[in-house]
PDB file of N, CA and C in Angstrom:
ATOM      1  N   MET A   1      15.156 -20.119   2.291  1.00  0.00           N
ATOM      2  CA  MET A   1      14.838 -18.725   2.475  1.00  0.00           C
ATOM      3  C   MET A   1      13.877 -18.596   3.650  1.00  0.00           C
ATOM      4  N   LYS A   2      14.376 -18.040   4.700  1.00  0.00           N
ATOM      5  CA  LYS A   2      13.551 -17.847   5.877  1.00  0.00           C
ATOM      6  C   LYS A   2      13.046 -16.416   5.917  1.00  0.00           C
ATOM      7  N   ARG A   3      11.763 -16.247   6.063  1.00  0.00           N
ATOM      8  CA  ARG A   3      11.170 -14.922   6.130  1.00  0.00           C
ATOM      9  C   ARG A   3      11.054 -14.502   7.595  1.00  0.00           C
ATOM     10  N   SER A   4      11.237 -13.220   7.827  1.00  0.00           N
ATOM     11  CA  SER A   4      11.035 -12.720   9.185  1.00  0.00           C
ATOM     12  C   SER A   4       9.583 -12.306   9.342  1.00  0.00           C
ATOM     13  N   TYR A   5       9.116 -12.398  10.545  1.00  0.00           N
ATOM     14  CA  TYR A   5       7.732 -12.006  10.809  1.00  0.00           C
ATOM     15  C   TYR A   5       7.525 -10.513  10.624  1.00  0.00           C
ATOM     16  N   VAL A   6       8.563  -9.724  10.877  1.00  0.00           N
ATOM     17  CA  VAL A   6       8.444  -8.275  10.739  1.00  0.00           C
ATOM     18  C   VAL A   6       8.188  -7.896   9.278  1.00  0.00           C
ATOM     19  N   GLY A   7       8.928  -8.500   8.359  1.00  0.00           N
ATOM     20  CA  GLY A   7       8.743  -8.208   6.943  1.00  0.00           C
ATOM     21  C   GLY A   7       7.373  -8.603   6.443  1.00  0.00           C
ATOM     22  N   VAL A   8       6.917  -9.770   6.851  1.00  0.00           N
ATOM     23  CA  VAL A   8       5.594 -10.233   6.436  1.00  0.00           C
ATOM     24  C   VAL A   8       4.516  -9.330   7.023  1.00  0.00           C
ATOM     25  N   LEU A   9       4.684  -8.937   8.275  1.00  0.00           N
ATOM     26  CA  LEU A   9       3.716  -8.047   8.904  1.00  0.00           C
ATOM     27  C   LEU A   9       3.694  -6.680   8.212  1.00  0.00           C
ATOM     28  N   LEU A  10       4.853  -6.147   7.875  1.00  0.00           N
ATOM     29  CA  LEU A  10       4.912  -4.864   7.174  1.00  0.00           C
ATOM     30  C   LEU A  10       4.243  -4.947   5.798  1.00  0.00           C
ATOM     31  N   LEU A  11       4.481  -6.036   5.086  1.00  0.00           N
ATOM     32  CA  LEU A  11       3.825  -6.204   3.782  1.00  0.00           C
ATOM     33  C   LEU A  11       2.312  -6.338   3.929  1.00  0.00           C
ATOM     34  N   CYS A  12       1.865  -6.995   4.983  1.00  0.00           N
ATOM     35  CA  CYS A  12       0.420  -7.095   5.225  1.00  0.00           C
ATOM     36  C   CYS A  12      -0.179  -5.724   5.524  1.00  0.00           C
ATOM     37  N   ILE A  13       0.543  -4.912   6.279  1.00  0.00           N
ATOM     38  CA  ILE A  13       0.060  -3.570   6.592  1.00  0.00           C
ATOM     39  C   ILE A  13      -0.009  -2.724   5.331  1.00  0.00           C
ATOM     40  N   VAL A  14       1.009  -2.807   4.478  1.00  0.00           N
ATOM     41  CA  VAL A  14       1.001  -2.035   3.232  1.00  0.00           C
ATOM     42  C   VAL A  14      -0.138  -2.496   2.332  1.00  0.00           C
ATOM     43  N   LEU A  15      -0.372  -3.796   2.250  1.00  0.00           N
ATOM     44  CA  LEU A  15      -1.493  -4.312   1.461  1.00  0.00           C
ATOM     45  C   LEU A  15      -2.823  -3.807   2.005  1.00  0.00           C
ATOM     46  N   PHE A  16      -2.966  -3.821   3.323  1.00  0.00           N
ATOM     47  CA  PHE A  16      -4.193  -3.314   3.939  1.00  0.00           C
ATOM     48  C   PHE A  16      -4.389  -1.837   3.614  1.00  0.00           C
ATOM     49  N   LEU A  17      -3.312  -1.047   3.693  1.00  0.00           N
ATOM     50  CA  LEU A  17      -3.411   0.379   3.376  1.00  0.00           C
ATOM     51  C   LEU A  17      -3.752   0.604   1.909  1.00  0.00           C
ATOM     52  N   ASN A  18      -3.219  -0.239   1.014  1.00  0.00           N
ATOM     53  CA  ASN A  18      -3.584  -0.146  -0.403  1.00  0.00           C
ATOM     54  C   ASN A  18      -5.077  -0.405  -0.606  1.00  0.00           C
ATOM     55  N   ILE A  19      -5.590  -1.406   0.066  1.00  0.00           N
ATOM     56  CA  ILE A  19      -7.016  -1.725  -0.055  1.00  0.00           C
ATOM     57  C   ILE A  19      -7.867  -0.579   0.479  1.00  0.00           C
ATOM     58  N   VAL A  20      -7.469  -0.022   1.615  1.00  0.00           N
ATOM     59  CA  VAL A  20      -8.225   1.082   2.209  1.00  0.00           C
ATOM     60  C   VAL A  20      -8.197   2.306   1.299  1.00  0.00           C
ATOM     61  N   CYS A  21      -7.020   2.653   0.786  1.00  0.00           N
ATOM     62  CA  CYS A  21      -6.909   3.821  -0.095  1.00  0.00           C
ATOM     63  C   CYS A  21      -7.725   3.634  -1.369  1.00  0.00           C
ATOM     64  N   THR A  22      -7.695   2.439  -1.924  1.00  0.00           N
ATOM     65  CA  THR A  22      -8.476   2.170  -3.128  1.00  0.00           C
ATOM     66  C   THR A  22      -9.968   2.293  -2.848  1.00  0.00           C
ATOM     67  N   GLN A  23     -10.412   1.722  -1.735  1.00  0.00           N
ATOM     68  CA  GLN A  23     -11.828   1.784  -1.394  1.00  0.00           C
ATOM     69  C   GLN A  23     -12.271   3.220  -1.134  1.00  0.00           C
ATOM     70  N   LYS A  24     -11.451   3.988  -0.441  1.00  0.00           N
ATOM     71  CA  LYS A  24     -11.798   5.390  -0.168  1.00  0.00           C
ATOM     72  C   LYS A  24     -11.807   6.219  -1.450  1.00  0.00           C
ATOM     73  N   ALA A  25     -10.888   5.928  -2.382  1.00  0.00           N
ATOM     74  CA  ALA A  25     -10.865   6.651  -3.651  1.00  0.00           C
ATOM     75  C   ALA A  25     -12.124   6.351  -4.462  1.00  0.00           C
ATOM     76  N   VAL A  26     -12.528   5.104  -4.503  1.00  0.00           N
ATOM     77  CA  VAL A  26     -13.743   4.740  -5.237  1.00  0.00           C
ATOM     78  C   VAL A  26     -14.961   5.387  -4.591  1.00  0.00           C
ATOM     79  N   ASN A  27     -15.007   5.386  -3.264  1.00  0.00           N
ATOM     80  CA  ASN A  27     -16.129   5.998  -2.560  1.00  0.00           C
ATOM     81  C   ASN A  27     -16.176   7.513  -2.799  1.00  0.00           C
ATOM     82  N   ALA A  28     -15.024   8.169  -2.773  1.00  0.00           N
ATOM     83  CA  ALA A  28     -14.980   9.614  -3.016  1.00  0.00           C
ATOM     84  C   ALA A  28     -15.359   9.927  -4.462  1.00  0.00           C
ATOM     85  N   TYR A  29     -14.950   9.083  -5.394  1.00  0.00           N
ATOM     86  CA  TYR A  29     -15.325   9.284  -6.796  1.00  0.00           C
ATOM     87  C   TYR A  29     -16.844   9.178  -6.967  1.00  0.00           C
ATOM     88  N   TYR A  30     -17.433   8.242  -6.255  1.00  0.00           N
ATOM     89  CA  TYR A  30     -18.884   8.066  -6.347  1.00  0.00           C
ATOM     90  C   TYR A  30     -19.618   9.328  -5.889  1.00  0.00           C
ATOM     91  N   PHE A  31     -19.066  10.019  -4.883  1.00  0.00           N
ATOM     92  CA  PHE A  31     -19.701  11.221  -4.357  1.00  0.00           C
ATOM     93  C   PHE A  31     -19.123  12.505  -4.949  1.00  0.00           C
ATOM     94  N   ASP A  32     -18.431  12.405  -6.075  1.00  0.00           N
ATOM     95  CA  ASP A  32     -17.901  13.550  -6.825  1.00  0.00           C
ATOM     96  C   ASP A  32     -16.952  14.430  -6.005  1.00  0.00           C
ATOM     97  N   GLN A  33     -16.132  13.813  -5.193  1.00  0.00           N
ATOM     98  CA  GLN A  33     -15.116  14.545  -4.433  1.00  0.00           C
ATOM     99  C   GLN A  33     -13.760  14.246  -5.082  1.00  0.00           C
ATOM    100  N   PHE A  34     -13.482  14.942  -6.167  1.00  0.00           N
ATOM    101  CA  PHE A  34     -12.355  14.580  -7.013  1.00  0.00           C
ATOM    102  C   PHE A  34     -11.007  14.917  -6.391  1.00  0.00           C
ATOM    103  N   ARG A  35     -10.918  15.943  -5.571  1.00  0.00           N
ATOM    104  CA  ARG A  35      -9.656  16.236  -4.886  1.00  0.00           C
ATOM    105  C   ARG A  35      -9.288  15.111  -3.930  1.00  0.00           C
ATOM    106  N   THR A  36     -10.270  14.589  -3.242  1.00  0.00           N
ATOM    107  CA  THR A  36     -10.037  13.473  -2.335  1.00  0.00           C
ATOM    108  C   THR A  36      -9.609  12.231  -3.112  1.00  0.00           C
ATOM    109  N   VAL A  37     -10.202  12.036  -4.282  1.00  0.00           N
ATOM    110  CA  VAL A  37      -9.821  10.899  -5.129  1.00  0.00           C
ATOM    111  C   VAL A  37      -8.347  10.999  -5.496  1.00  0.00           C
ATOM    112  N   ILE A  38      -7.901  12.186  -5.860  1.00  0.00           N
ATOM    113  CA  ILE A  38      -6.503  12.376  -6.245  1.00  0.00           C
ATOM    114  C   ILE A  38      -5.582  12.116  -5.065  1.00  0.00           C
ATOM    115  N   VAL A  39      -5.963  12.564  -3.879  1.00  0.00           N
ATOM    116  CA  VAL A  39      -5.135  12.336  -2.688  1.00  0.00           C
ATOM    117  C   VAL A  39      -4.984  10.845  -2.420  1.00  0.00           C
ATOM    118  N   TYR A  40      -6.077  10.110  -2.443  1.00  0.00           N
ATOM    119  CA  TYR A  40      -6.003   8.673  -2.184  1.00  0.00           C
ATOM    120  C   TYR A  40      -5.285   7.924  -3.300  1.00  0.00           C
ATOM    121  N   ALA A  41      -5.432   8.370  -4.522  1.00  0.00           N
ATOM    122  CA  ALA A  41      -4.721   7.732  -5.627  1.00  0.00           C
ATOM    123  C   ALA A  41      -3.217   7.945  -5.496  1.00  0.00           C
ATOM    124  N   VAL A  42      -2.808   9.151  -5.106  1.00  0.00           N
ATOM    125  CA  VAL A  42      -1.383   9.422  -4.904  1.00  0.00           C
ATOM    126  C   VAL A  42      -0.841   8.595  -3.745  1.00  0.00           C
ATOM    127  N   LEU A  43      -1.603   8.484  -2.664  1.00  0.00           N
ATOM    128  CA  LEU A  43      -1.172   7.633  -1.547  1.00  0.00           C
ATOM    129  C   LEU A  43      -1.016   6.180  -1.990  1.00  0.00           C
ATOM    130  N   ASN A  44      -1.937   5.726  -2.817  1.00  0.00           N
ATOM    131  CA  ASN A  44      -1.866   4.362  -3.332  1.00  0.00           C
ATOM    132  C   ASN A  44      -0.619   4.164  -4.189  1.00  0.00           C
ATOM    133  N   ILE A  45      -0.296   5.151  -4.998  1.00  0.00           N
ATOM    134  CA  ILE A  45       0.899   5.068  -5.845  1.00  0.00           C
ATOM    135  C   ILE A  45       2.166   5.105  -5.001  1.00  0.00           C
ATOM    136  N   LEU A  46       2.174   5.873  -3.922  1.00  0.00           N
ATOM    137  CA  LEU A  46       3.355   5.955  -3.061  1.00  0.00           C
ATOM    138  C   LEU A  46       3.560   4.698  -2.220  1.00  0.00           C
ATOM    139  N   LEU A  47       2.498   3.987  -1.953  1.00  0.00           N
ATOM    140  CA  LEU A  47       2.626   2.763  -1.166  1.00  0.00           C
ATOM    141  C   LEU A  47       3.256   1.620  -1.964  1.00  0.00           C
ATOM    142  N   PHE A  48       3.110   1.646  -3.267  1.00  0.00           N
ATOM    143  CA  PHE A  48       3.656   0.565  -4.087  1.00  0.00           C
ATOM    144  C   PHE A  48       5.182   0.465  -4.003  1.00  0.00           C
ATOM    145  N   PRO A  49       5.946   1.573  -4.155  1.00  0.00           N
ATOM    146  CA  PRO A  49       7.396   1.448  -4.001  1.00  0.00           C
ATOM    147  C   PRO A  49       7.805   1.041  -2.585  1.00  0.00           C
ATOM    148  N   ALA A  50       7.016   1.432  -1.599  1.00  0.00           N
ATOM    149  CA  ALA A  50       7.313   1.012  -0.228  1.00  0.00           C
ATOM    150  C   ALA A  50       7.195  -0.507  -0.102  1.00  0.00           C
ATOM    151  N   ALA A  51       6.181  -1.075  -0.723  1.00  0.00           N
ATOM    152  CA  ALA A  51       6.010  -2.524  -0.693  1.00  0.00           C
ATOM    153  C   ALA A  51       7.149  -3.224  -1.432  1.00  0.00           C
ATOM    154  N   LEU A  52       7.552  -2.674  -2.564  1.00  0.00           N
ATOM    155  CA  LEU A  52       8.682  -3.262  -3.294  1.00  0.00           C
ATOM    156  C   LEU A  52       9.967  -3.193  -2.483  1.00  0.00           C
ATOM    157  N   TRP A  53      10.184  -2.076  -1.794  1.00  0.00           N
ATOM    158  CA  TRP A  53      11.384  -1.919  -0.973  1.00  0.00           C
ATOM    159  C   TRP A  53      11.396  -2.940   0.167  1.00  0.00           C
ATOM    160  N   ILE A  54      10.262  -3.113   0.831  1.00  0.00           N
ATOM    161  CA  ILE A  54      10.173  -4.089   1.922  1.00  0.00           C
ATOM    162  C   ILE A  54      10.397  -5.493   1.385  1.00  0.00           C
ATOM    163  N   TYR A  55       9.795  -5.805   0.257  1.00  0.00           N
ATOM    164  CA  TYR A  55       9.955  -7.144  -0.327  1.00  0.00           C
ATOM    165  C   TYR A  55      11.408  -7.416  -0.710  1.00  0.00           C
ATOM    166  N   ASN A  56      12.046  -6.450  -1.379  1.00  0.00           N
ATOM    167  CA  ASN A  56      13.439  -6.652  -1.774  1.00  0.00           C
ATOM    168  C   ASN A  56      14.358  -6.765  -0.572  1.00  0.00           C
ATOM    169  N   ARG A  57      14.089  -6.000   0.467  1.00  0.00           N
ATOM    170  CA  ARG A  57      14.899  -6.089   1.674  1.00  0.00           C
ATOM    171  C   ARG A  57      14.739  -7.456   2.341  1.00  0.00           C
ATOM    172  N   GLU A  58      13.533  -7.971   2.373  1.00  0.00           N
ATOM    173  CA  GLU A  58      13.287  -9.287   2.985  1.00  0.00           C
ATOM    174  C   GLU A  58      13.825 -10.418   2.105  1.00  0.00           C
ATOM    175  N   ARG A  59      13.781 -10.238   0.801  1.00  0.00           N
ATOM    176  CA  ARG A  59      14.266 -11.269  -0.103  1.00  0.00           C
ATOM    177  C   ARG A  59      15.766 -11.450   0.018  1.00  0.00           C
ATOM    178  N   ASP A  60      16.489 -10.346   0.250  1.00  0.00           N
ATOM    179  CA  ASP A  60      17.939 -10.396   0.299  1.00  0.00           C
ATOM    180  C   ASP A  60      18.478 -10.817   1.665  1.00  0.00           C
ATOM    181  N   VAL A  61      17.651 -10.880   2.690  1.00  0.00           N
ATOM    182  CA  VAL A  61      18.103 -11.304   4.022  1.00  0.00           C
ATOM    183  C   VAL A  61      18.333 -12.804   3.995  1.00  0.00           C
ATOM    184  N   LYS A  62      19.480 -13.202   4.508  1.00  0.00           N
ATOM    185  CA  LYS A  62      19.806 -14.643   4.516  1.00  0.00           C
ATOM    186  C   LYS A  62      19.974 -15.169   5.910  1.00  0.00           C
TER     187      LYS A  62
END
């Protein structure tokens, strides 16, 4: 199974965005900005299927 650099790079970017969204949500929660928390939480939830899609696409490439 050979991985392409593009797929690995895309997964790294999605992971980085997940970390950023999580950190921003925690920071906004600390400062009682609950609308911002919801926005970042929704972005975090939307990034997960994107990561699964990229992974499945890379897994099936032969």
